[in-house]
Amino acid sequence: MRHATPEDLEKIGTLLDEVRRMPGLVERTPGSFYRNSKGFLHFHDDPTGMYADVRLAAGEDFARLRVQTKAEQSSLLRRVRQAVGEG
């Protein structure tokens, strides 16, 4: 599994647009988001699809979530909103 390239990220452009609108997240490099100066969310591409590594609670390790389908992307957005206190 490798970090997503700019070309990979184009496949999830709508998802990224939603994440970019969330308060408290800073996109330091394309598809790599920080919260309170700590890595929070980034993406990987794999033959089985796109995945997000996200830190859903302070002090926890990254959780890896598949984001290949619209339903999986919606689930990620819901969980990220909860983590940043927006939902």
Protein backbone atom coordinates (compact mmCIF):
# COMPACT_ATOMS: atom_id res chain seq x y z
CA MET A 1 0.00 0.00 0.00
CA ARG A 2 1.46 3.35 -1.00
CA HIS A 3 0.60 6.95 -0.24
CA ALA A 4 -1.87 8.36 -2.73
CA THR A 5 -0.41 10.40 -5.57
CA PRO A 6 -2.06 13.57 -6.91
CA GLU A 7 -3.54 11.44 -9.69
CA ASP A 8 -4.99 9.01 -7.13
CA LEU A 9 -6.48 11.89 -5.16
CA GLU A 10 -8.37 13.09 -8.23
CA LYS A 11 -10.54 9.96 -7.89
CA ILE A 12 -11.78 11.20 -4.51
CA GLY A 13 -11.96 14.90 -5.32
CA THR A 14 -15.50 15.36 -3.95
CA LEU A 15 -14.51 13.72 -0.66
CA LEU A 16 -11.44 15.96 -0.38
CA ASP A 17 -13.57 19.06 -1.06
CA GLU A 18 -15.79 18.12 1.90
CA VAL A 19 -12.82 17.52 4.20
CA ARG A 20 -11.26 20.85 3.17
CA ARG A 21 -14.38 22.66 4.43
CA MET A 22 -14.08 21.26 7.95
CA PRO A 23 -12.89 23.68 10.61
CA GLY A 24 -9.66 22.95 12.41
CA LEU A 25 -8.08 20.88 9.64
CA VAL A 26 -5.08 22.14 7.69
CA GLU A 27 -4.03 20.51 4.43
CA ARG A 28 -0.23 20.71 4.45
CA THR A 29 0.25 18.72 1.28
CA PRO A 30 -2.43 17.49 -1.13
CA GLY A 31 -4.58 14.94 0.71
CA SER A 32 -2.64 15.18 3.99
CA PHE A 33 -4.53 16.92 6.79
CA TYR A 34 -3.33 18.02 10.21
CA ARG A 35 -5.25 18.97 13.34
CA ASN A 36 -3.57 20.87 16.17
CA SER A 37 -0.20 20.45 14.40
CA LYS A 38 -0.52 16.64 14.45
CA GLY A 39 -1.17 14.32 11.51
CA PHE A 40 -4.90 13.60 11.32
CA LEU A 41 -5.86 12.21 7.90
CA HIS A 42 -4.09 11.00 4.77
CA PHE A 43 -4.82 8.59 1.94
CA HIS A 44 -3.35 5.45 0.41
CA ASP A 45 -3.96 3.67 -2.85
CA ASP A 46 -3.93 -0.10 -3.08
CA PRO A 47 -5.05 -2.62 -5.71
CA THR A 48 -8.14 -3.17 -3.52
CA GLY A 49 -9.04 0.54 -3.56
CA MET A 50 -8.47 3.85 -1.81
CA TYR A 51 -8.00 3.97 1.95
CA ALA A 52 -7.90 6.74 4.52
CA ASP A 53 -5.73 6.67 7.61
CA VAL A 54 -7.47 8.85 10.19
CA ARG A 55 -6.86 9.58 13.86
CA LEU A 56 -10.42 9.45 15.22
CA ALA A 57 -9.56 10.20 18.86
CA ALA A 58 -6.75 12.08 20.57
CA GLY A 59 -3.89 9.83 21.54
CA GLU A 60 -5.01 6.96 19.31
CA ASP A 61 -3.16 5.47 16.38
CA PHE A 62 -4.47 5.86 12.87
CA ALA A 63 -7.45 3.76 11.85
CA ARG A 64 -7.46 2.58 8.24
CA LEU A 65 -10.82 2.93 6.49
CA ARG A 66 -11.66 2.02 2.91
CA VAL A 67 -13.03 4.98 0.91
CA GLN A 68 -13.58 3.42 -2.49
CA THR A 69 -17.39 3.73 -2.65
CA LYS A 70 -19.69 6.69 -1.99
CA ALA A 71 -21.08 4.88 1.07
CA GLU A 72 -17.55 4.37 2.46
CA GLN A 73 -16.73 8.02 1.80
CA SER A 74 -19.92 9.14 3.57
CA SER A 75 -19.01 6.98 6.54
CA LEU A 76 -15.54 8.53 6.71
CA LEU A 77 -16.99 12.05 6.53
CA ARG A 78 -19.43 11.28 9.35
CA ARG A 79 -16.64 9.93 11.55
CA VAL A 80 -14.31 12.84 10.77
CA ARG A 81 -17.07 15.33 11.60
CA GLN A 82 -17.56 13.62 14.96
CA ALA A 83 -13.82 13.65 15.63
CA VAL A 84 -13.51 17.38 14.96
CA GLY A 85 -16.65 18.12 16.95
CA GLU A 86 -18.81 19.11 14.00
CA GLY A 87 -21.33 16.30 14.16
